[in-house]
Protein backbone atom coordinates (compact mmCIF):
# COMPACT_ATOMS: atom_id res chain seq x y z
CA MET A 1 -7.48 -9.41 -6.34
CA THR A 2 -4.03 -7.71 -5.21
CA HIS A 3 -3.20 -4.43 -6.71
CA ASP A 4 0.09 -3.77 -5.97
CA VAL A 5 1.04 -0.15 -5.21
CA ASN A 6 4.66 1.50 -6.04
CA ASP A 7 6.50 3.37 -4.69
CA ASP A 8 5.19 6.41 -6.96
CA GLY A 9 1.38 5.40 -5.29
CA GLY A 10 -0.72 5.32 -8.48
CA ASP A 11 -2.26 4.33 -10.69
CA PRO A 12 -1.52 4.26 -14.50
CA ASP A 13 -3.37 6.76 -16.48
CA GLY A 14 -7.57 6.22 -17.64
CA ASP A 15 -9.77 7.98 -19.74
CA ASP A 16 -12.47 9.90 -18.00
CA GLU A 17 -12.51 13.28 -18.74
CA ARG A 18 -14.63 14.92 -15.38
CA THR A 19 -12.30 16.21 -12.91
CA ALA A 20 -12.09 16.22 -9.10
CA THR A 21 -13.79 19.36 -8.86
CA ASP A 22 -17.14 17.73 -10.38
CA HIS A 23 -20.03 17.38 -8.14
CA PRO A 24 -19.40 14.59 -6.14
CA THR A 25 -22.85 13.23 -6.21
CA ALA A 26 -23.41 13.98 -9.62
CA ASP A 27 -24.70 10.90 -11.61
CA PRO A 28 -22.28 10.00 -14.60
CA GLN A 29 -24.48 8.60 -16.94
CA PRO A 30 -28.32 9.31 -16.08
CA GLY A 31 -30.80 7.31 -17.88
CA VAL A 32 -28.32 4.38 -18.37
CA PRO A 33 -30.14 1.07 -16.86
CA ARG A 34 -28.26 0.08 -13.55
CA LEU A 35 -27.69 -3.47 -14.47
CA GLY A 36 -24.75 -5.66 -13.48
CA ARG A 37 -21.52 -5.65 -15.18
CA ASP A 38 -21.93 -9.00 -16.96
CA GLU A 39 -25.66 -8.49 -17.87
CA ARG A 40 -25.30 -4.78 -19.85
CA PRO A 41 -24.55 -5.04 -23.66
CA ALA A 42 -21.71 -3.20 -24.79
CA ALA A 43 -23.94 -0.22 -25.87
CA PHE A 44 -24.23 0.53 -22.38
CA LEU A 45 -21.06 0.49 -20.98
CA PRO A 46 -20.25 4.01 -20.45
CA ARG A 47 -17.78 5.46 -23.13
CA TYR A 48 -15.70 7.97 -20.50
CA ASP A 49 -13.81 9.05 -24.10
CA GLU A 50 -17.15 11.26 -24.05
CA PRO A 51 -18.33 13.81 -22.12
CA GLY A 52 -21.80 12.66 -22.18
CA GLY A 53 -21.04 9.42 -21.55
CA ALA A 54 -22.46 6.37 -23.93
CA VAL A 55 -24.58 8.51 -25.88
CA ASP A 56 -22.65 10.83 -28.57
CA PRO A 57 -23.49 14.48 -28.03
CA ALA A 58 -23.65 15.36 -31.48
CA ALA A 59 -26.61 13.38 -32.44
CA GLY A 60 -29.00 15.97 -30.29
CA PRO A 61 -31.65 14.84 -27.82
CA GLU A 62 -33.70 11.97 -27.52
CA PRO A 63 -36.90 11.78 -29.63
CA THR A 64 -39.66 12.66 -27.17
CA ALA A 65 -43.29 10.54 -27.24
CA SER A 66 -44.61 13.43 -29.70
CA ASP A 67 -41.84 12.89 -32.52
CA ARG A 68 -42.25 9.04 -32.26
CA PRO A 69 -44.29 7.29 -34.92
CA ALA A 70 -47.71 6.73 -33.64
CA ALA A 71 -48.71 2.68 -33.39
CA THR A 72 -51.86 1.60 -34.98
CA ASP A 73 -54.95 -0.18 -33.10
CA GLY A 74 -53.22 -3.34 -34.69
CA GLY A 75 -49.68 -2.94 -32.60
CA ALA A 76 -47.98 -1.97 -36.20
CA VAL A 77 -45.99 1.27 -36.33
CA ASP A 78 -46.82 3.97 -38.71
CA GLY A 79 -43.99 5.26 -39.56
CA GLY A 80 -44.65 5.78 -43.20
CA SER A 81 -43.07 2.91 -44.78
CA ASP A 82 -43.73 -0.88 -45.88
CA VAL A 83 -41.27 -2.55 -43.66
CA ASP A 84 -41.48 -3.44 -40.21
CA GLU A 85 -38.74 -2.73 -38.53
CA ARG A 86 -39.22 -5.18 -35.90
CA ASP A 87 -38.65 -8.07 -37.85
CA PRO A 88 -35.01 -8.94 -38.11
CA ALA A 89 -35.29 -10.18 -41.62
CA THR A 90 -36.30 -7.01 -42.82
CA ALA A 91 -34.53 -4.77 -40.80
CA PRO A 92 -31.73 -2.69 -42.35
CA ALA A 93 -28.50 -4.14 -40.44
CA ALA A 94 -27.25 -1.88 -37.62
CA GLU A 95 -23.88 0.06 -38.34
CA PRO A 96 -21.46 -2.34 -36.08
CA ALA A 97 -20.33 -0.57 -32.89
CA ASP A 98 -17.14 0.94 -31.68
CA PRO A 99 -15.24 -1.37 -28.87
CA VAL A 100 -15.85 -0.06 -25.56
CA ASP A 101 -12.53 0.54 -23.71
CA ALA A 102 -13.94 1.88 -20.25
CA PHE A 103 -10.63 1.34 -18.79
CA PRO A 104 -7.18 0.17 -20.11
CA ALA A 105 -5.86 -3.29 -19.58
CA GLY A 106 -5.02 -3.87 -15.71
CA GLU A 107 -7.20 -0.95 -14.41
CA LEU A 108 -10.06 -3.69 -14.02
CA ASP A 109 -9.25 -4.93 -10.79
CA LEU A 110 -11.46 -2.00 -8.70
CA ARG A 111 -13.91 -1.76 -11.72
CA ALA A 112 -15.94 -4.03 -10.12
CA GLY A 113 -15.86 -2.55 -6.20
CA ALA A 114 -16.58 0.87 -8.37
CA ASP A 115 -19.37 -0.72 -10.07
CA SER A 116 -21.20 -2.56 -6.65
CA CYS A 117 -21.67 1.22 -4.92
CA TYR A 118 -25.12 2.20 -5.61
CA LYS A 119 -24.90 5.39 -3.85
CA CYS A 120 -26.68 4.91 -0.98
CA THR A 121 -24.35 7.22 0.89
CA ALA A 122 -24.34 4.47 3.76
CA CYS A 123 -20.34 5.48 4.28
CA ASP A 124 -21.07 8.87 4.19
CA THR A 125 -23.63 9.19 7.20
CA SER A 126 -21.15 6.67 9.06
CA CYS A 127 -17.86 9.06 8.47
CA PRO A 128 -17.05 10.73 11.42
CA VAL A 129 -15.08 13.47 9.61
CA ALA A 130 -18.08 14.00 7.66
CA GLU A 131 -20.33 14.12 10.63
CA VAL A 132 -18.30 17.07 12.12
CA ASP A 133 -16.78 18.75 8.91
CA ASP A 134 -19.38 20.07 5.93
CA GLU A 135 -16.72 20.81 3.44
CA PHE A 136 -15.07 17.20 3.99
CA PRO A 137 -16.99 15.01 0.35
CA GLY A 138 -17.44 12.46 2.21
CA PRO A 139 -16.06 8.38 1.49
CA LYS A 140 -18.29 7.74 -1.24
CA PHE A 141 -16.67 10.51 -3.24
CA GLN A 142 -13.30 10.24 -1.91
CA GLY A 143 -13.82 6.21 -2.99
CA PRO A 144 -15.63 4.66 -5.84
CA GLU A 145 -16.50 8.30 -7.73
CA GLN A 146 -12.81 9.80 -7.45
CA TRP A 147 -11.56 6.34 -8.67
CA ARG A 148 -13.86 6.95 -11.82
CA LEU A 149 -12.55 10.49 -12.25
CA LYS A 150 -8.87 9.41 -11.72
CA ARG A 151 -9.19 7.37 -15.22
CA LYS A 152 -7.93 10.31 -16.89
CA ASP A 153 -4.61 12.07 -17.57
CA ASP A 154 -5.67 15.40 -16.48
CA ALA A 155 -7.79 14.56 -13.42
CA ASP A 156 -5.92 14.90 -10.10
CA VAL A 157 -6.84 12.99 -6.52
CA ASP A 158 -8.91 15.99 -5.02
CA GLY A 159 -6.78 17.18 -1.51
CA SER A 160 -9.64 16.24 0.53
CA ILE A 161 -8.21 13.10 0.63
CA THR A 162 -5.82 14.06 3.26
CA ASP A 163 -8.84 14.52 5.67
CA CYS A 164 -9.51 11.25 5.66
CA SER A 165 -8.57 9.86 8.67
CA ASN A 166 -8.57 6.45 7.63
CA CYS A 167 -10.90 4.93 10.71
CA MET A 168 -12.10 2.48 8.08
CA ARG A 169 -15.77 2.80 9.19
CA CYS A 170 -16.84 3.06 5.79
CA ASP A 171 -15.73 -0.16 5.17
CA SER A 172 -18.12 -1.79 7.97
CA ALA A 173 -20.97 0.28 6.80
CA CYS A 174 -21.00 -0.30 2.86
CA PRO A 175 -23.85 -3.10 2.30
CA SER A 176 -21.94 -3.91 -1.07
CA SER A 177 -18.38 -4.05 0.21
CA VAL A 178 -17.09 -1.71 -1.84
CA PRO A 179 -13.37 -1.41 -1.02
CA LEU A 180 -13.66 2.18 0.11
CA SER A 181 -10.60 1.93 2.46
CA GLN A 182 -8.41 0.15 -0.86
CA MET A 183 -9.39 3.25 -2.55
CA HIS A 184 -8.88 5.82 -0.34
CA ASN A 185 -4.82 4.65 0.37
CA GLU A 186 -4.19 4.31 -2.95
CA ALA A 187 -5.61 7.95 -3.78
CA ARG A 188 -3.98 8.92 -0.96
CA GLY A 189 -1.10 7.57 -2.03
CA GLU A 190 -1.22 8.79 -5.29
CA TYR A 191 -1.92 12.62 -3.81
CA VAL A 192 1.08 12.28 -2.10
CA SER A 193 3.43 11.32 -4.70
CA GLU A 194 2.28 13.51 -7.58
CA ARG A 195 0.86 16.80 -5.87
CA MET A 196 2.46 17.25 -2.36
CA GLN A 197 5.67 19.49 -2.21
CA LYS A 198 8.59 17.22 -1.03
CA LEU A 199 9.95 20.39 0.84
CA SER A 200 6.69 21.35 2.50
CA VAL A 201 5.82 21.42 6.03
CA GLU A 202 3.02 19.54 5.58
CA TYR A 203 5.34 16.45 3.85
CA VAL A 204 8.27 16.52 6.26
CA ARG A 205 6.00 16.62 8.87
CA ASN A 206 3.54 13.34 7.79
CA ARG A 207 7.03 11.72 6.89
CA LEU A 208 7.99 12.34 10.22
CA LEU A 209 4.79 10.91 11.72
CA SER A 210 4.77 8.21 9.46
CA ASN A 211 8.23 6.62 10.62
CA TYR A 212 7.39 6.92 14.19
CA GLU A 213 9.36 3.64 14.74
CA THR A 214 12.82 5.50 13.12
CA VAL A 215 12.16 8.42 16.12
CA ALA A 216 11.66 6.10 18.88
CA ARG A 217 14.44 4.13 18.04
CA VAL A 218 16.44 6.87 18.36
CA ALA A 219 14.57 8.44 21.45
CA SER A 220 14.47 4.94 23.15
CA ARG A 221 18.32 5.00 23.26
CA VAL A 222 18.39 8.29 25.88
CA PRO A 223 14.30 7.48 26.90
CA ARG A 224 14.56 9.75 30.26
CA LEU A 225 16.88 12.64 28.35
CA ALA A 226 13.94 12.46 25.49
CA ASN A 227 10.72 12.20 27.52
CA PHE A 228 12.26 15.79 29.24
CA VAL A 229 13.39 17.35 26.31
CA LEU A 230 9.75 16.62 24.74
CA GLY A 231 7.84 17.34 27.54
CA LEU A 232 9.11 21.00 27.57
CA GLY A 233 6.77 23.72 26.94
CA VAL A 234 9.36 25.04 24.20
CA THR A 235 9.53 21.90 22.63
CA LYS A 236 5.77 22.03 22.12
CA TRP A 237 6.00 25.48 20.92
CA MET A 238 8.47 24.69 18.29
CA ASN A 239 6.79 21.47 16.70
CA GLU A 240 3.96 23.01 16.49
CA ARG A 241 5.43 26.28 14.72
CA VAL A 242 8.11 24.48 12.53
CA LEU A 243 6.44 21.09 12.09
CA GLY A 244 2.35 21.25 12.33
CA ILE A 245 2.57 19.16 15.84
CA THR A 246 -0.41 20.52 17.67
CA ALA A 247 1.24 21.75 21.22
CA GLU A 248 -2.17 20.40 22.35
CA ARG A 249 -1.19 16.61 23.34
CA GLU A 250 1.47 15.24 26.12
CA PHE A 251 3.98 13.28 23.85
CA PRO A 252 3.69 9.56 25.05
CA GLU A 253 6.71 8.53 27.25
CA PHE A 254 9.70 6.30 26.08
CA ALA A 255 9.96 3.26 28.32
CA THR A 256 13.66 3.06 30.17
CA GLU A 257 13.50 -0.26 29.19
CA THR A 258 11.82 -1.39 25.57
CA PHE A 259 10.06 -4.77 24.84
CA ARG A 260 12.52 -6.07 22.79
CA GLU A 261 15.21 -5.49 25.59
CA TRP A 262 13.32 -7.23 28.01
CA TRP A 263 12.80 -10.11 25.41
CA ALA A 264 16.37 -10.42 24.57
CA GLU A 265 17.57 -10.54 28.44
CA ARG A 266 14.76 -13.16 29.38
CA GLY A 267 13.68 -14.99 26.14
CA GLY A 268 10.80 -17.56 25.88
CA ALA A 269 9.70 -19.62 29.12
CA THR A 270 9.55 -23.70 28.94
CA VAL A 271 5.91 -24.33 28.04
CA SER A 272 3.89 -27.71 28.43
CA ASN A 273 3.76 -27.96 25.00
CA PRO A 274 6.23 -26.50 22.45
CA ASP A 275 4.50 -27.67 19.59
CA GLU A 276 1.52 -24.64 20.11
CA ARG A 277 3.41 -21.89 18.84
CA VAL A 278 2.61 -17.85 18.05
CA ALA A 279 4.85 -15.42 16.84
CA TYR A 280 4.14 -12.34 18.52
CA PHE A 281 3.53 -8.81 16.16
CA HIS A 282 4.51 -6.26 18.94
CA GLY A 283 4.44 -3.20 17.19
CA CYS A 284 5.81 -0.18 17.70
CA TYR A 285 4.03 1.25 20.56
CA SER A 286 3.90 -2.15 22.47
CA ASN A 287 7.52 -1.90 21.89
CA TYR A 288 9.04 1.67 23.03
CA ASN A 289 6.35 3.05 25.05
CA THR A 290 4.15 0.57 26.49
CA PRO A 291 6.10 -2.38 26.84
CA GLU A 292 3.94 -3.42 30.05
CA VAL A 293 1.68 -4.89 27.03
CA GLY A 294 3.75 -6.92 25.32
CA ARG A 295 5.06 -8.44 28.74
CA ALA A 296 1.47 -9.28 29.38
CA MET A 297 1.07 -10.71 25.95
CA VAL A 298 3.79 -13.02 26.39
CA ARG A 299 2.88 -14.16 30.23
CA VAL A 300 -0.69 -14.74 29.34
CA PHE A 301 -0.24 -17.11 26.09
CA GLU A 302 2.82 -18.62 28.41
CA SER A 303 0.54 -19.50 31.14
CA PHE A 304 -1.66 -21.37 28.15
CA GLY A 305 1.02 -23.74 27.11
CA TYR A 306 2.28 -21.77 24.40
CA GLU A 307 5.93 -20.84 22.56
CA VAL A 308 5.87 -17.31 21.99
CA LEU A 309 8.74 -16.29 19.41
CA VAL A 310 9.39 -12.56 18.52
CA PRO A 311 10.52 -12.49 15.01
CA GLU A 312 12.47 -9.35 13.31
CA GLN A 313 9.37 -7.06 12.16
CA ARG A 314 8.95 -3.49 11.17
CA CYS A 315 6.31 -1.26 11.73
CA SER A 316 3.27 -2.60 10.79
CA GLY A 317 2.48 0.68 8.27
CA THR A 318 -0.49 2.06 9.54
CA PRO A 319 0.73 5.27 9.98
CA MET A 320 2.44 5.05 6.41
CA PHE A 321 -1.40 3.84 4.56
CA ALA A 322 -2.86 6.90 6.54
CA ASN A 323 -0.12 9.75 5.35
CA GLY A 324 0.22 8.42 1.75
CA MET A 325 3.65 7.03 2.16
CA LEU A 326 3.40 3.91 0.63
CA GLY A 327 6.26 3.54 -0.45
CA ASP A 328 7.57 3.48 2.92
CA ALA A 329 4.89 1.01 3.91
CA ARG A 330 5.78 -1.40 0.85
CA ARG A 331 9.51 -1.50 2.41
CA ALA A 332 8.06 -2.32 6.11
CA ALA A 333 5.90 -4.82 4.44
CA GLU A 334 8.73 -6.66 2.78
CA THR A 335 10.33 -7.36 5.86
CA ASN A 336 7.47 -8.04 7.73
CA VAL A 337 5.95 -10.76 5.25
CA GLU A 338 9.17 -12.48 5.22
CA SER A 339 10.19 -12.94 8.93
CA LEU A 340 6.34 -13.68 9.80
CA VAL A 341 5.55 -16.09 6.90
CA ALA A 342 8.56 -17.96 7.88
CA ALA A 343 7.39 -18.16 11.36
CA ILE A 344 4.49 -19.58 9.71
CA GLY A 345 6.41 -22.13 8.27
CA GLU A 346 7.44 -22.88 11.98
CA GLY A 347 4.16 -23.67 12.72
CA ALA A 348 3.21 -20.41 14.08
CA ASP A 349 0.67 -18.38 14.21
CA VAL A 350 0.52 -14.56 14.14
CA VAL A 351 -0.82 -12.80 16.80
CA ALA A 352 -0.74 -9.19 17.62
CA SER A 353 -1.98 -7.09 20.64
CA CYS A 354 -2.52 -3.82 18.49
CA THR A 355 -6.32 -4.11 16.75
CA SER A 356 -4.97 -1.66 13.75
CA CYS A 357 -1.96 -3.92 13.62
CA SER A 358 -3.48 -6.92 12.73
CA LEU A 359 -5.86 -5.42 10.21
CA SER A 360 -2.92 -3.84 8.18
CA LEU A 361 -1.30 -7.66 7.88
CA ARG A 362 -4.47 -8.89 7.32
CA GLN A 363 -5.80 -6.75 5.26
CA GLU A 364 -4.33 -3.61 4.12
CA TYR A 365 -0.87 -5.85 2.82
CA PRO A 366 -2.75 -7.78 0.72
CA GLU A 367 -4.88 -5.16 -1.00
CA LEU A 368 -2.00 -2.81 -1.27
CA PHE A 369 1.28 -5.34 -2.04
CA ASP A 370 2.14 -8.44 -4.00
CA LEU A 371 4.49 -10.04 -2.15
CA HIS A 372 5.29 -13.46 -1.66
CA GLY A 373 3.31 -15.22 0.87
CA ILE A 374 1.18 -12.12 1.42
CA GLU A 375 -2.12 -14.18 1.34
CA ASP A 376 -0.49 -17.11 3.95
CA LEU A 377 0.42 -13.88 6.38
CA SER A 378 -3.13 -12.76 6.29
CA ASP A 379 -4.56 -15.89 6.97
CA ASP A 380 -2.93 -16.67 10.03
CA THR A 381 -2.93 -13.37 11.70
CA TYR A 382 -5.17 -12.95 14.61
CA GLU A 383 -5.62 -10.00 17.46
CA ALA A 384 -4.55 -11.78 20.63
CA LEU A 385 -7.57 -11.67 22.71
CA GLU A 386 -9.62 -12.93 19.54
CA TYR A 387 -6.88 -16.11 19.17
CA LEU A 388 -7.66 -17.12 22.67
CA ARG A 389 -11.57 -16.91 22.30
CA ILE A 390 -10.82 -19.03 19.20
CA HIS A 391 -8.35 -21.66 20.36
CA GLU A 392 -8.79 -22.01 24.64
CA ASP A 393 -11.29 -21.94 27.00
CA LEU A 394 -10.60 -18.63 28.07
CA SER A 395 -14.32 -18.41 29.79
CA GLY A 396 -13.33 -21.43 31.93
CA ALA A 397 -9.99 -20.54 32.63
CA LEU A 398 -11.56 -17.27 34.02
CA ALA A 399 -14.42 -18.27 35.97
CA ASP A 400 -12.05 -19.41 38.73
CA ALA A 401 -10.14 -15.98 38.84
CA ALA A 402 -10.67 -12.77 40.12
CA VAL A 403 -9.28 -9.34 40.05
CA GLU A 404 -9.06 -6.13 42.53
CA PRO A 405 -12.17 -4.89 42.31
CA THR A 406 -12.17 -2.40 38.71
CA ASP A 407 -15.01 -0.55 36.88
CA LEU A 408 -13.50 -0.29 33.59
CA ALA A 409 -15.04 2.29 30.50
CA TYR A 410 -14.18 0.16 27.50
CA HIS A 411 -13.62 2.00 23.98
CA ALA A 412 -13.63 -0.43 21.10
CA PRO A 413 -11.34 0.89 18.23
CA CYS A 414 -12.70 1.57 15.24
CA HIS A 415 -9.89 -1.13 13.57
CA ALA A 416 -11.60 -3.48 16.01
CA ARG A 417 -14.75 -3.02 14.94
CA ASN A 418 -13.49 -3.37 11.08
CA GLN A 419 -12.49 -7.04 12.08
CA GLY A 420 -15.66 -7.93 13.79
CA LEU A 421 -13.94 -7.87 17.26
CA ASP A 422 -15.43 -4.97 19.00
CA ARG A 423 -17.61 -7.09 21.46
CA GLN A 424 -14.96 -9.27 22.39
CA ALA A 425 -13.12 -7.51 25.51
CA VAL A 426 -17.12 -6.84 27.02
CA GLU A 427 -18.03 -10.38 26.48
CA THR A 428 -14.78 -12.17 27.69
CA LEU A 429 -14.32 -9.81 30.88
CA SER A 430 -17.72 -9.03 31.77
CA ASP A 431 -18.07 -12.23 33.92
CA LEU A 432 -14.40 -12.22 35.97
CA GLU A 433 -14.65 -11.82 39.35
CA GLY A 434 -13.68 -7.88 40.42
CA VAL A 435 -14.57 -6.51 37.19
CA THR A 436 -17.29 -4.21 36.07
CA ILE A 437 -16.94 -3.37 32.41
CA GLU A 438 -19.02 -0.93 30.48
CA ASP A 439 -19.36 -0.07 26.96
CA VAL A 440 -18.72 3.67 26.07
CA GLY A 441 -20.29 3.41 22.93
CA ASP A 442 -19.77 3.16 19.10
CA SER A 443 -17.98 6.86 18.55
CA CYS A 444 -14.82 6.78 17.14
CA SER A 445 -11.98 8.62 19.51
CA GLY A 446 -11.15 10.59 16.84
CA ILE A 447 -7.13 10.47 17.07
CA SER A 448 -6.83 8.01 14.22
CA GLY A 449 -3.08 7.31 14.78
CA THR A 450 -1.31 10.29 13.59
CA TYR A 451 -4.66 12.60 12.42
CA GLY A 452 -5.07 13.98 15.66
CA TRP A 453 -1.43 14.98 16.08
CA LYS A 454 -1.33 17.02 13.12
CA THR A 455 -2.17 21.10 14.33
CA GLU A 456 -5.03 21.64 11.52
CA LYS A 457 -6.46 18.69 12.70
CA TYR A 458 -6.75 18.35 16.30
CA ASP A 459 -10.07 20.31 17.15
CA THR A 460 -11.49 18.18 14.21
CA SER A 461 -10.14 15.16 16.04
CA MET A 462 -11.52 16.33 19.56
CA GLU A 463 -14.98 17.18 18.13
CA ILE A 464 -15.17 13.77 16.79
CA GLY A 465 -13.99 11.86 20.31
CA ALA A 466 -16.34 14.57 22.44
CA ASP A 467 -19.35 11.40 22.50
CA MET A 468 -16.70 9.21 23.64
CA PHE A 469 -15.38 11.59 26.30
CA GLU A 470 -19.18 12.09 27.46
CA HIS A 471 -19.86 8.57 27.62
CA MET A 472 -16.77 7.88 29.47
CA ALA A 473 -17.55 10.74 31.78
CA ALA A 474 -21.10 9.36 32.63
CA ALA A 475 -19.92 5.34 32.90
CA GLU A 476 -19.14 4.15 36.65
CA GLY A 477 -15.20 3.88 36.43
CA GLU A 478 -12.61 5.91 36.11
CA VAL A 479 -10.09 3.33 34.42
CA GLY A 480 -10.68 3.40 30.33
CA MET A 481 -9.56 -0.14 28.51
CA THR A 482 -8.96 -0.14 25.21
CA GLU A 483 -6.62 -2.64 22.50
CA CYS A 484 -5.46 0.56 20.38
CA PRO A 485 -2.75 2.40 21.69
CA THR A 486 -3.26 5.93 20.19
CA CYS A 487 -7.13 5.39 21.48
CA ALA A 488 -5.96 5.42 24.64
CA MET A 489 -3.66 8.23 24.28
CA GLN A 490 -7.05 10.17 23.08
CA MET A 491 -9.04 8.73 26.15
CA GLU A 492 -6.91 9.31 28.59
CA HIS A 493 -6.22 13.22 26.92
CA GLY A 494 -9.81 13.85 27.00
CA THR A 495 -10.73 12.73 30.62
CA GLY A 496 -7.26 11.63 32.47
CA TYR A 497 -8.18 8.24 33.48
CA GLU A 498 -5.86 5.54 33.55
CA ILE A 499 -6.56 3.55 30.30
CA ARG A 500 -4.96 -0.42 30.50
CA HIS A 501 -5.21 -3.00 27.66
CA PRO A 502 -7.54 -6.24 27.87
CA LEU A 503 -4.03 -8.34 28.23
CA GLN A 504 -2.74 -6.46 31.22
CA VAL A 505 -6.52 -7.82 32.93
CA LEU A 506 -5.88 -10.84 31.80
CA GLU A 507 -2.30 -10.90 32.92
CA GLU A 508 -3.64 -9.85 36.53
CA ALA A 509 -6.40 -12.87 36.71
CA LEU A 510 -4.92 -15.69 35.12
CA VAL A 511 -0.93 -15.23 35.76
CA GLU A 512 0.61 -15.71 39.21
């Protein structure tokens, strides 16, 4: 069910007296049968307005076995009474139970997800941050446990929510389909809205990183000057000292011609079947920093006869979700949904070249926002290579193609894995003549968008990425490949390798 998050980024008040400082793995109701919600009698539903749950603490301890009346050989209870309490006809009438209102109206949309968690900790063991940071409580606490704690006025969101990188590997790991990342996004939004000081360095830095599109739009007007200034050691030093943006990374260069500038000059090509249309969601990075990826996408799809549309669009919202800037994300989503749904109405499917962008449009938008047409957008959005594998004989087209001999070390982004797309590049390109491709493992790259750009997160980011760097170094190839632009940054940063997008390999193979 859609749960619309407002600009304030939080849920209404609930009624759980525990706080976020309680032990993350403490069982809130020891001894209560773990029945499904529909199976539970009212007496077994927890009462969150009482410290002891459904049991009244004033009633004292439960009777032990020695306190209970003994049973006779015939099975009757010898309790000193002529009344058989097991017989409904003679048993005294029970006191009517007070109605149980575990959560206020309107707060049940995530209750089913929270109840589905049976504390197997699969999410915790899959979390790359928890693996390297012993103090991080993990996605189980940040998700269903903290969601329950937040049902009470005086329970604040725990500050460790800002240590979550939003890689969303916990979603893939959970056997019960608990909406962990949705819970994390909502908690992060509430923390930023209610607890983070708006004049703090952390807030200003996170707001700046979240709105990279705005920074890039300004810098792309004077790209050579921007690249020169951002590359200076003194600029990096000041960014780190003043804003908390790490000086260890090289800022990505801005292209001298953005993708949209190229598109405005070139326009769409005449194609064989204009009834086959795709609306290209290029995202920020392919527009301002790597327009070669956007150009490759257009040319590859046109080679299959598709008419390519490039609708008005804003950032997908991925960095905004990761930094708890849900008001900014909603404003961007309103533009994107209106524009892309209009393209769908014209017969187009939406195609993204970045796996984080496709994940935002598919999953995070309908989870967090209640906007007209949002479900249609979710249903009709694809990642570019995924779309061609579904709708075209891509293997057949590549059978007669060839490229210059290249050994590729491929990294599957976490957000590709979340969509079930982590093997598609290897499966598609491994039979292409001239290509040798090696998957460098299941590990997270560690950068997680803006996460690895923060001074206090840089070491964690590099420690998470160590496995990937090691596997890349052991691979035959010295050219990396991935669909995610920030994973590409991390791969290049840790190895010095050139990094390519699968669409660029397809362009070389299929476009004359």
